[in-house]
Amino acid sequence: EAEVVPTSIELGVGQVVWSPIAQGVLTG
């Protein structure tokens, strides 16, 4: 969030993110 996203927005680079549920931890 601090560096990669602002730079990517400037350059037109999108994020294809992995582990959005933190390997299952965020399922509870």
mmCIF file of all heavy atoms, coordinates in Angstrom:
data_MODEL
# 
_entry.id   MODEL 
# 
loop_
_atom_site.group_PDB 
_atom_site.id 
_atom_site.type_symbol 
_atom_site.label_atom_id 
_atom_site.label_alt_id 
_atom_site.label_comp_id 
_atom_site.label_asym_id 
_atom_site.label_entity_id 
_atom_site.label_seq_id 
_atom_site.pdbx_PDB_ins_code 
_atom_site.Cartn_x 
_atom_site.Cartn_y 
_atom_site.Cartn_z 
_atom_site.occupancy 
_atom_site.B_iso_or_equiv 
_atom_site.pdbx_formal_charge 
_atom_site.auth_seq_id 
_atom_site.auth_comp_id 
_atom_site.auth_asym_id 
_atom_site.auth_atom_id 
_atom_site.pdbx_PDB_model_num 
ATOM 1   N N   . GLU A 1 1  ? 0.801   -1.221  0.000   1.00 0.00 ? 1  GLU A N   1 
ATOM 2   C CA  . GLU A 1 1  ? 0.000   0.000   0.000   1.00 0.00 ? 1  GLU A CA  1 
ATOM 3   C C   . GLU A 1 1  ? 0.838   1.278   0.000   1.00 0.00 ? 1  GLU A C   1 
ATOM 4   O O   . GLU A 1 1  ? 0.445   2.280   -0.615  1.00 0.00 ? 1  GLU A O   1 
ATOM 5   C CB  . GLU A 1 1  ? -0.959  -0.001  1.186   1.00 0.00 ? 1  GLU A CB  1 
ATOM 6   C CG  . GLU A 1 1  ? -2.038  -1.059  1.062   1.00 0.00 ? 1  GLU A CG  1 
ATOM 7   C CD  . GLU A 1 1  ? -3.007  -1.083  2.235   1.00 0.00 ? 1  GLU A CD  1 
ATOM 8   O OE1 . GLU A 1 1  ? -2.708  -0.488  3.288   1.00 0.00 ? 1  GLU A OE1 1 
ATOM 9   O OE2 . GLU A 1 1  ? -4.076  -1.716  2.104   1.00 0.00 ? 1  GLU A OE2 1 
ATOM 10  N N   . ALA A 1 2  ? 1.988   1.272   0.650   1.00 0.00 ? 2  ALA A N   1 
ATOM 11  C CA  . ALA A 1 2  ? 2.755   2.507   0.817   1.00 0.00 ? 2  ALA A CA  1 
ATOM 12  C C   . ALA A 1 2  ? 3.493   2.927   -0.442  1.00 0.00 ? 2  ALA A C   1 
ATOM 13  O O   . ALA A 1 2  ? 3.559   4.125   -0.760  1.00 0.00 ? 2  ALA A O   1 
ATOM 14  C CB  . ALA A 1 2  ? 3.752   2.353   1.967   1.00 0.00 ? 2  ALA A CB  1 
ATOM 15  N N   . GLU A 1 3  ? 4.060   1.977   -1.190  1.00 0.00 ? 3  GLU A N   1 
ATOM 16  C CA  . GLU A 1 3  ? 4.914   2.332   -2.318  1.00 0.00 ? 3  GLU A CA  1 
ATOM 17  C C   . GLU A 1 3  ? 4.489   1.685   -3.630  1.00 0.00 ? 3  GLU A C   1 
ATOM 18  O O   . GLU A 1 3  ? 4.417   2.359   -4.669  1.00 0.00 ? 3  GLU A O   1 
ATOM 19  C CB  . GLU A 1 3  ? 6.371   1.944   -2.005  1.00 0.00 ? 3  GLU A CB  1 
ATOM 20  C CG  . GLU A 1 3  ? 6.957   2.698   -0.813  1.00 0.00 ? 3  GLU A CG  1 
ATOM 21  C CD  . GLU A 1 3  ? 8.374   2.258   -0.479  1.00 0.00 ? 3  GLU A CD  1 
ATOM 22  O OE1 . GLU A 1 3  ? 8.912   1.372   -1.191  1.00 0.00 ? 3  GLU A OE1 1 
ATOM 23  O OE2 . GLU A 1 3  ? 8.945   2.801   0.488   1.00 0.00 ? 3  GLU A OE2 1 
ATOM 24  N N   . VAL A 1 4  ? 4.219   0.387   -3.608  1.00 0.00 ? 4  VAL A N   1 
ATOM 25  C CA  . VAL A 1 4  ? 3.908   -0.325  -4.849  1.00 0.00 ? 4  VAL A CA  1 
ATOM 26  C C   . VAL A 1 4  ? 2.615   0.180   -5.483  1.00 0.00 ? 4  VAL A C   1 
ATOM 27  O O   . VAL A 1 4  ? 2.555   0.433   -6.687  1.00 0.00 ? 4  VAL A O   1 
ATOM 28  C CB  . VAL A 1 4  ? 3.832   -1.849  -4.598  1.00 0.00 ? 4  VAL A CB  1 
ATOM 29  C CG1 . VAL A 1 4  ? 3.185   -2.567  -5.771  1.00 0.00 ? 4  VAL A CG1 1 
ATOM 30  C CG2 . VAL A 1 4  ? 5.226   -2.412  -4.346  1.00 0.00 ? 4  VAL A CG2 1 
ATOM 31  N N   . VAL A 1 5  ? 1.572   0.351   -4.680  1.00 0.00 ? 5  VAL A N   1 
ATOM 32  C CA  . VAL A 1 5  ? 0.289   0.781   -5.244  1.00 0.00 ? 5  VAL A CA  1 
ATOM 33  C C   . VAL A 1 5  ? 0.365   2.187   -5.833  1.00 0.00 ? 5  VAL A C   1 
ATOM 34  O O   . VAL A 1 5  ? -0.076  2.396   -6.976  1.00 0.00 ? 5  VAL A O   1 
ATOM 35  C CB  . VAL A 1 5  ? -0.834  0.659   -4.195  1.00 0.00 ? 5  VAL A CB  1 
ATOM 36  C CG1 . VAL A 1 5  ? -2.085  1.413   -4.648  1.00 0.00 ? 5  VAL A CG1 1 
ATOM 37  C CG2 . VAL A 1 5  ? -1.166  -0.808  -3.959  1.00 0.00 ? 5  VAL A CG2 1 
ATOM 38  N N   . PRO A 1 6  ? 0.912   3.203   -5.139  1.00 0.00 ? 6  PRO A N   1 
ATOM 39  C CA  . PRO A 1 6  ? 0.997   4.537   -5.754  1.00 0.00 ? 6  PRO A CA  1 
ATOM 40  C C   . PRO A 1 6  ? 1.806   4.540   -7.050  1.00 0.00 ? 6  PRO A C   1 
ATOM 41  O O   . PRO A 1 6  ? 1.405   5.190   -8.030  1.00 0.00 ? 6  PRO A O   1 
ATOM 42  C CB  . PRO A 1 6  ? 1.680   5.378   -4.668  1.00 0.00 ? 6  PRO A CB  1 
ATOM 43  C CG  . PRO A 1 6  ? 1.347   4.700   -3.387  1.00 0.00 ? 6  PRO A CG  1 
ATOM 44  C CD  . PRO A 1 6  ? 1.352   3.235   -3.714  1.00 0.00 ? 6  PRO A CD  1 
ATOM 45  N N   . THR A 1 7  ? 2.917   3.823   -7.075  1.00 0.00 ? 7  THR A N   1 
ATOM 46  C CA  . THR A 1 7  ? 3.721   3.744   -8.296  1.00 0.00 ? 7  THR A CA  1 
ATOM 47  C C   . THR A 1 7  ? 2.943   3.053   -9.410  1.00 0.00 ? 7  THR A C   1 
ATOM 48  O O   . THR A 1 7  ? 2.961   3.487   -10.573 1.00 0.00 ? 7  THR A O   1 
ATOM 49  C CB  . THR A 1 7  ? 5.029   2.987   -8.022  1.00 0.00 ? 7  THR A CB  1 
ATOM 50  O OG1 . THR A 1 7  ? 5.800   3.719   -7.066  1.00 0.00 ? 7  THR A OG1 1 
ATOM 51  C CG2 . THR A 1 7  ? 5.847   2.810   -9.299  1.00 0.00 ? 7  THR A CG2 1 
ATOM 52  N N   . SER A 1 8  ? 2.250   1.993   -9.076  1.00 0.00 ? 8  SER A N   1 
ATOM 53  C CA  . SER A 1 8  ? 1.484   1.240   -10.067 1.00 0.00 ? 8  SER A CA  1 
ATOM 54  C C   . SER A 1 8  ? 0.343   2.069   -10.642 1.00 0.00 ? 8  SER A C   1 
ATOM 55  O O   . SER A 1 8  ? 0.059   2.013   -11.843 1.00 0.00 ? 8  SER A O   1 
ATOM 56  C CB  . SER A 1 8  ? 0.948   -0.054  -9.449  1.00 0.00 ? 8  SER A CB  1 
ATOM 57  O OG  . SER A 1 8  ? 2.008   -0.910  -9.061  1.00 0.00 ? 8  SER A OG  1 
ATOM 58  N N   . ILE A 1 9  ? -0.325  2.836   -9.795  1.00 0.00 ? 9  ILE A N   1 
ATOM 59  C CA  . ILE A 1 9  ? -1.390  3.708   -10.290 1.00 0.00 ? 9  ILE A CA  1 
ATOM 60  C C   . ILE A 1 9  ? -0.824  4.716   -11.279 1.00 0.00 ? 9  ILE A C   1 
ATOM 61  O O   . ILE A 1 9  ? -1.402  4.957   -12.351 1.00 0.00 ? 9  ILE A O   1 
ATOM 62  C CB  . ILE A 1 9  ? -2.087  4.417   -9.108  1.00 0.00 ? 9  ILE A CB  1 
ATOM 63  C CG1 . ILE A 1 9  ? -2.888  3.408   -8.281  1.00 0.00 ? 9  ILE A CG1 1 
ATOM 64  C CG2 . ILE A 1 9  ? -2.989  5.543   -9.613  1.00 0.00 ? 9  ILE A CG2 1 
ATOM 65  C CD1 . ILE A 1 9  ? -3.457  3.976   -6.998  1.00 0.00 ? 9  ILE A CD1 1 
ATOM 66  N N   . GLU A 1 10 ? 0.309   5.284   -10.950 1.00 0.00 ? 10 GLU A N   1 
ATOM 67  C CA  . GLU A 1 10 ? 0.959   6.252   -11.847 1.00 0.00 ? 10 GLU A CA  1 
ATOM 68  C C   . GLU A 1 10 ? 1.276   5.633   -13.205 1.00 0.00 ? 10 GLU A C   1 
ATOM 69  O O   . GLU A 1 10 ? 1.068   6.261   -14.257 1.00 0.00 ? 10 GLU A O   1 
ATOM 70  C CB  . GLU A 1 10 ? 2.239   6.765   -11.200 1.00 0.00 ? 10 GLU A CB  1 
ATOM 71  C CG  . GLU A 1 10 ? 3.052   7.691   -12.097 1.00 0.00 ? 10 GLU A CG  1 
ATOM 72  C CD  . GLU A 1 10 ? 4.448   7.944   -11.557 1.00 0.00 ? 10 GLU A CD  1 
ATOM 73  O OE1 . GLU A 1 10 ? 4.710   7.652   -10.360 1.00 0.00 ? 10 GLU A OE1 1 
ATOM 74  O OE2 . GLU A 1 10 ? 5.301   8.412   -12.343 1.00 0.00 ? 10 GLU A OE2 1 
ATOM 75  N N   . LEU A 1 11 ? 1.766   4.397   -13.197 1.00 0.00 ? 11 LEU A N   1 
ATOM 76  C CA  . LEU A 1 11 ? 2.236   3.754   -14.423 1.00 0.00 ? 11 LEU A CA  1 
ATOM 77  C C   . LEU A 1 11 ? 1.149   2.970   -15.155 1.00 0.00 ? 11 LEU A C   1 
ATOM 78  O O   . LEU A 1 11 ? 1.375   2.518   -16.278 1.00 0.00 ? 11 LEU A O   1 
ATOM 79  C CB  . LEU A 1 11 ? 3.402   2.816   -14.100 1.00 0.00 ? 11 LEU A CB  1 
ATOM 80  C CG  . LEU A 1 11 ? 4.629   3.463   -13.451 1.00 0.00 ? 11 LEU A CG  1 
ATOM 81  C CD1 . LEU A 1 11 ? 5.665   2.403   -13.126 1.00 0.00 ? 11 LEU A CD1 1 
ATOM 82  C CD2 . LEU A 1 11 ? 5.226   4.544   -14.352 1.00 0.00 ? 11 LEU A CD2 1 
ATOM 83  N N   . GLY A 1 12 ? 0.023   2.772   -14.535 1.00 0.00 ? 12 GLY A N   1 
ATOM 84  C CA  . GLY A 1 12 ? -1.031  1.988   -15.165 1.00 0.00 ? 12 GLY A CA  1 
ATOM 85  C C   . GLY A 1 12 ? -0.835  0.493   -15.009 1.00 0.00 ? 12 GLY A C   1 
ATOM 86  O O   . GLY A 1 12 ? -1.233  -0.289  -15.874 1.00 0.00 ? 12 GLY A O   1 
ATOM 87  N N   . VAL A 1 13 ? -0.226  0.087   -13.903 1.00 0.00 ? 13 VAL A N   1 
ATOM 88  C CA  . VAL A 1 13 ? 0.015   -1.320  -13.601 1.00 0.00 ? 13 VAL A CA  1 
ATOM 89  C C   . VAL A 1 13 ? -1.025  -1.784  -12.582 1.00 0.00 ? 13 VAL A C   1 
ATOM 90  O O   . VAL A 1 13 ? -1.210  -1.148  -11.546 1.00 0.00 ? 13 VAL A O   1 
ATOM 91  C CB  . VAL A 1 13 ? 1.438   -1.525  -13.037 1.00 0.00 ? 13 VAL A CB  1 
ATOM 92  C CG1 . VAL A 1 13 ? 1.631   -2.949  -12.533 1.00 0.00 ? 13 VAL A CG1 1 
ATOM 93  C CG2 . VAL A 1 13 ? 2.481   -1.175  -14.101 1.00 0.00 ? 13 VAL A CG2 1 
ATOM 94  N N   . GLY A 1 14 ? -1.707  -2.876  -12.877 1.00 0.00 ? 14 GLY A N   1 
ATOM 95  C CA  . GLY A 1 14 ? -2.721  -3.393  -11.955 1.00 0.00 ? 14 GLY A CA  1 
ATOM 96  C C   . GLY A 1 14 ? -2.166  -4.503  -11.086 1.00 0.00 ? 14 GLY A C   1 
ATOM 97  O O   . GLY A 1 14 ? -1.229  -5.209  -11.468 1.00 0.00 ? 14 GLY A O   1 
ATOM 98  N N   . GLN A 1 15 ? -2.751  -4.687  -9.903  1.00 0.00 ? 15 GLN A N   1 
ATOM 99  C CA  . GLN A 1 15 ? -2.344  -5.757  -8.997  1.00 0.00 ? 15 GLN A CA  1 
ATOM 100 C C   . GLN A 1 15 ? -3.239  -6.983  -9.211  1.00 0.00 ? 15 GLN A C   1 
ATOM 101 O O   . GLN A 1 15 ? -4.465  -6.870  -9.241  1.00 0.00 ? 15 GLN A O   1 
ATOM 102 C CB  . GLN A 1 15 ? -2.441  -5.309  -7.535  1.00 0.00 ? 15 GLN A CB  1 
ATOM 103 C CG  . GLN A 1 15 ? -1.790  -3.985  -7.216  1.00 0.00 ? 15 GLN A CG  1 
ATOM 104 C CD  . GLN A 1 15 ? -0.314  -3.936  -7.563  1.00 0.00 ? 15 GLN A CD  1 
ATOM 105 O OE1 . GLN A 1 15 ? 0.429   -4.876  -7.283  1.00 0.00 ? 15 GLN A OE1 1 
ATOM 106 N NE2 . GLN A 1 15 ? 0.110   -2.844  -8.189  1.00 0.00 ? 15 GLN A NE2 1 
ATOM 107 N N   . VAL A 1 16 ? -2.604  -8.136  -9.378  1.00 0.00 ? 16 VAL A N   1 
ATOM 108 C CA  . VAL A 1 16 ? -3.309  -9.414  -9.402  1.00 0.00 ? 16 VAL A CA  1 
ATOM 109 C C   . VAL A 1 16 ? -2.874  -10.117 -8.125  1.00 0.00 ? 16 VAL A C   1 
ATOM 110 O O   . VAL A 1 16 ? -1.805  -10.708 -8.058  1.00 0.00 ? 16 VAL A O   1 
ATOM 111 C CB  . VAL A 1 16 ? -2.937  -10.245 -10.644 1.00 0.00 ? 16 VAL A CB  1 
ATOM 112 C CG1 . VAL A 1 16 ? -3.667  -11.588 -10.635 1.00 0.00 ? 16 VAL A CG1 1 
ATOM 113 C CG2 . VAL A 1 16 ? -3.263  -9.474  -11.921 1.00 0.00 ? 16 VAL A CG2 1 
ATOM 114 N N   . VAL A 1 17 ? -3.664  -10.007 -7.076  1.00 0.00 ? 17 VAL A N   1 
ATOM 115 C CA  . VAL A 1 17 ? -3.153  -10.327 -5.741  1.00 0.00 ? 17 VAL A CA  1 
ATOM 116 C C   . VAL A 1 17 ? -3.384  -11.785 -5.380  1.00 0.00 ? 17 VAL A C   1 
ATOM 117 O O   . VAL A 1 17 ? -4.397  -12.385 -5.732  1.00 0.00 ? 17 VAL A O   1 
ATOM 118 C CB  . VAL A 1 17 ? -3.767  -9.404  -4.671  1.00 0.00 ? 17 VAL A CB  1 
ATOM 119 C CG1 . VAL A 1 17 ? -3.546  -7.946  -5.045  1.00 0.00 ? 17 VAL A CG1 1 
ATOM 120 C CG2 . VAL A 1 17 ? -5.252  -9.659  -4.469  1.00 0.00 ? 17 VAL A CG2 1 
ATOM 121 N N   . TRP A 1 18 ? -2.411  -12.340 -4.641  1.00 0.00 ? 18 TRP A N   1 
ATOM 122 C CA  . TRP A 1 18 ? -2.541  -13.718 -4.186  1.00 0.00 ? 18 TRP A CA  1 
ATOM 123 C C   . TRP A 1 18 ? -2.669  -13.752 -2.662  1.00 0.00 ? 18 TRP A C   1 
ATOM 124 O O   . TRP A 1 18 ? -2.309  -12.816 -1.985  1.00 0.00 ? 18 TRP A O   1 
ATOM 125 C CB  . TRP A 1 18 ? -1.381  -14.583 -4.664  1.00 0.00 ? 18 TRP A CB  1 
ATOM 126 C CG  . TRP A 1 18 ? 0.013   -14.174 -4.265  1.00 0.00 ? 18 TRP A CG  1 
ATOM 127 C CD1 . TRP A 1 18 ? 0.819   -13.277 -4.914  1.00 0.00 ? 18 TRP A CD1 1 
ATOM 128 C CD2 . TRP A 1 18 ? 0.783   -14.667 -3.168  1.00 0.00 ? 18 TRP A CD2 1 
ATOM 129 N NE1 . TRP A 1 18 ? 2.034   -13.177 -4.273  1.00 0.00 ? 18 TRP A NE1 1 
ATOM 130 C CE2 . TRP A 1 18 ? 2.048   -14.026 -3.205  1.00 0.00 ? 18 TRP A CE2 1 
ATOM 131 C CE3 . TRP A 1 18 ? 0.529   -15.595 -2.146  1.00 0.00 ? 18 TRP A CE3 1 
ATOM 132 C CZ2 . TRP A 1 18 ? 3.047   -14.275 -2.258  1.00 0.00 ? 18 TRP A CZ2 1 
ATOM 133 C CZ3 . TRP A 1 18 ? 1.526   -15.853 -1.209  1.00 0.00 ? 18 TRP A CZ3 1 
ATOM 134 C CH2 . TRP A 1 18 ? 2.763   -15.202 -1.271  1.00 0.00 ? 18 TRP A CH2 1 
ATOM 135 N N   . SER A 1 19 ? -3.221  -14.845 -2.193  1.00 0.00 ? 19 SER A N   1 
ATOM 136 C CA  . SER A 1 19 ? -3.470  -15.085 -0.768  1.00 0.00 ? 19 SER A CA  1 
ATOM 137 C C   . SER A 1 19 ? -4.370  -14.020 -0.133  1.00 0.00 ? 19 SER A C   1 
ATOM 138 O O   . SER A 1 19 ? -4.071  -13.512 0.945   1.00 0.00 ? 19 SER A O   1 
ATOM 139 C CB  . SER A 1 19 ? -2.154  -15.172 0.005   1.00 0.00 ? 19 SER A CB  1 
ATOM 140 O OG  . SER A 1 19 ? -2.323  -15.829 1.239   1.00 0.00 ? 19 SER A OG  1 
ATOM 141 N N   . PRO A 1 20 ? -5.499  -13.684 -0.741  1.00 0.00 ? 20 PRO A N   1 
ATOM 142 C CA  . PRO A 1 20 ? -6.386  -12.682 -0.134  1.00 0.00 ? 20 PRO A CA  1 
ATOM 143 C C   . PRO A 1 20 ? -7.013  -13.142 1.177   1.00 0.00 ? 20 PRO A C   1 
ATOM 144 O O   . PRO A 1 20 ? -7.452  -12.299 1.965   1.00 0.00 ? 20 PRO A O   1 
ATOM 145 C CB  . PRO A 1 20 ? -7.459  -12.447 -1.216  1.00 0.00 ? 20 PRO A CB  1 
ATOM 146 C CG  . PRO A 1 20 ? -7.470  -13.722 -2.005  1.00 0.00 ? 20 PRO A CG  1 
ATOM 147 C CD  . PRO A 1 20 ? -6.041  -14.182 -2.030  1.00 0.00 ? 20 PRO A CD  1 
ATOM 148 N N   . ILE A 1 21 ? -7.049  -14.454 1.427   1.00 0.00 ? 21 ILE A N   1 
ATOM 149 C CA  . ILE A 1 21 ? -7.571  -14.929 2.716   1.00 0.00 ? 21 ILE A CA  1 
ATOM 150 C C   . ILE A 1 21 ? -6.437  -15.413 3.620   1.00 0.00 ? 21 ILE A C   1 
ATOM 151 O O   . ILE A 1 21 ? -6.677  -16.146 4.584   1.00 0.00 ? 21 ILE A O   1 
ATOM 152 C CB  . ILE A 1 21 ? -8.649  -16.013 2.540   1.00 0.00 ? 21 ILE A CB  1 
ATOM 153 C CG1 . ILE A 1 21 ? -8.112  -17.238 1.802   1.00 0.00 ? 21 ILE A CG1 1 
ATOM 154 C CG2 . ILE A 1 21 ? -9.871  -15.455 1.834   1.00 0.00 ? 21 ILE A CG2 1 
ATOM 155 C CD1 . ILE A 1 21 ? -9.113  -18.393 1.725   1.00 0.00 ? 21 ILE A CD1 1 
ATOM 156 N N   . ALA A 1 22 ? -5.198  -14.963 3.309   1.00 0.00 ? 22 ALA A N   1 
ATOM 157 C CA  . ALA A 1 22 ? -4.034  -15.257 4.160   1.00 0.00 ? 22 ALA A CA  1 
ATOM 158 C C   . ALA A 1 22 ? -3.907  -16.746 4.439   1.00 0.00 ? 22 ALA A C   1 
ATOM 159 O O   . ALA A 1 22 ? -3.857  -17.183 5.587   1.00 0.00 ? 22 ALA A O   1 
ATOM 160 C CB  . ALA A 1 22 ? -4.097  -14.453 5.464   1.00 0.00 ? 22 ALA A CB  1 
ATOM 161 N N   . GLN A 1 23 ? -3.866  -17.513 3.344   1.00 0.00 ? 23 GLN A N   1 
ATOM 162 C CA  . GLN A 1 23 ? -3.694  -18.967 3.451   1.00 0.00 ? 23 GLN A CA  1 
ATOM 163 C C   . GLN A 1 23 ? -4.794  -19.636 4.270   1.00 0.00 ? 23 GLN A C   1 
ATOM 164 O O   . GLN A 1 23 ? -4.588  -20.694 4.860   1.00 0.00 ? 23 GLN A O   1 
ATOM 165 C CB  . GLN A 1 23 ? -2.320  -19.294 4.047   1.00 0.00 ? 23 GLN A CB  1 
ATOM 166 C CG  . GLN A 1 23 ? -1.149  -18.794 3.232   1.00 0.00 ? 23 GLN A CG  1 
ATOM 167 C CD  . GLN A 1 23 ? -1.058  -19.518 1.897   1.00 0.00 ? 23 GLN A CD  1 
ATOM 168 O OE1 . GLN A 1 23 ? -0.717  -20.680 1.838   1.00 0.00 ? 23 GLN A OE1 1 
ATOM 169 N NE2 . GLN A 1 23 ? -1.354  -18.822 0.823   1.00 0.00 ? 23 GLN A NE2 1 
ATOM 170 N N   . GLY A 1 24 ? -5.946  -19.024 4.307   1.00 0.00 ? 24 GLY A N   1 
ATOM 171 C CA  . GLY A 1 24 ? -7.079  -19.595 5.036   1.00 0.00 ? 24 GLY A CA  1 
ATOM 172 C C   . GLY A 1 24 ? -7.273  -19.041 6.430   1.00 0.00 ? 24 GLY A C   1 
ATOM 173 O O   . GLY A 1 24 ? -8.306  -19.283 7.053   1.00 0.00 ? 24 GLY A O   1 
ATOM 174 N N   . VAL A 1 25 ? -6.303  -18.287 6.936   1.00 0.00 ? 25 VAL A N   1 
ATOM 175 C CA  . VAL A 1 25 ? -6.411  -17.756 8.300   1.00 0.00 ? 25 VAL A CA  1 
ATOM 176 C C   . VAL A 1 25 ? -7.615  -16.827 8.427   1.00 0.00 ? 25 VAL A C   1 
ATOM 177 O O   . VAL A 1 25 ? -8.318  -16.830 9.443   1.00 0.00 ? 25 VAL A O   1 
ATOM 178 C CB  . VAL A 1 25 ? -5.109  -17.032 8.702   1.00 0.00 ? 25 VAL A CB  1 
ATOM 179 C CG1 . VAL A 1 25 ? -5.299  -16.252 10.002  1.00 0.00 ? 25 VAL A CG1 1 
ATOM 180 C CG2 . VAL A 1 25 ? -3.981  -18.042 8.865   1.00 0.00 ? 25 VAL A CG2 1 
ATOM 181 N N   . LEU A 1 26 ? -7.889  -16.032 7.390   1.00 0.00 ? 26 LEU A N   1 
ATOM 182 C CA  . LEU A 1 26 ? -8.993  -15.070 7.465   1.00 0.00 ? 26 LEU A CA  1 
ATOM 183 C C   . LEU A 1 26 ? -10.373 -15.718 7.327   1.00 0.00 ? 26 LEU A C   1 
ATOM 184 O O   . LEU A 1 26 ? -11.389 -15.028 7.384   1.00 0.00 ? 26 LEU A O   1 
ATOM 185 C CB  . LEU A 1 26 ? -8.801  -13.970 6.415   1.00 0.00 ? 26 LEU A CB  1 
ATOM 186 C CG  . LEU A 1 26 ? -7.708  -12.955 6.755   1.00 0.00 ? 26 LEU A CG  1 
ATOM 187 C CD1 . LEU A 1 26 ? -7.383  -12.061 5.555   1.00 0.00 ? 26 LEU A CD1 1 
ATOM 188 C CD2 . LEU A 1 26 ? -8.117  -12.101 7.957   1.00 0.00 ? 26 LEU A CD2 1 
ATOM 189 N N   . THR A 1 27 ? -10.408 -17.039 7.157   1.00 0.00 ? 27 THR A N   1 
ATOM 190 C CA  . THR A 1 27 ? -11.709 -17.716 7.207   1.00 0.00 ? 27 THR A CA  1 
ATOM 191 C C   . THR A 1 27 ? -12.175 -17.887 8.645   1.00 0.00 ? 27 THR A C   1 
ATOM 192 O O   . THR A 1 27 ? -13.339 -18.218 8.886   1.00 0.00 ? 27 THR A O   1 
ATOM 193 C CB  . THR A 1 27 ? -11.647 -19.115 6.568   1.00 0.00 ? 27 THR A CB  1 
ATOM 194 O OG1 . THR A 1 27 ? -10.787 -19.964 7.348   1.00 0.00 ? 27 THR A OG1 1 
ATOM 195 C CG2 . THR A 1 27 ? -11.144 -19.033 5.134   1.00 0.00 ? 27 THR A CG2 1 
ATOM 196 N N   . GLY A 1 28 ? -11.267 -17.720 9.610   1.00 0.00 ? 28 GLY A N   1 
ATOM 197 C CA  . GLY A 1 28 ? -11.621 -17.885 11.011  1.00 0.00 ? 28 GLY A CA  1 
ATOM 198 C C   . GLY A 1 28 ? -11.589 -19.314 11.511  1.00 0.00 ? 28 GLY A C   1 
ATOM 199 O O   . GLY A 1 28 ? -11.905 -19.568 12.676  1.00 0.00 ? 28 GLY A O   1 
# 
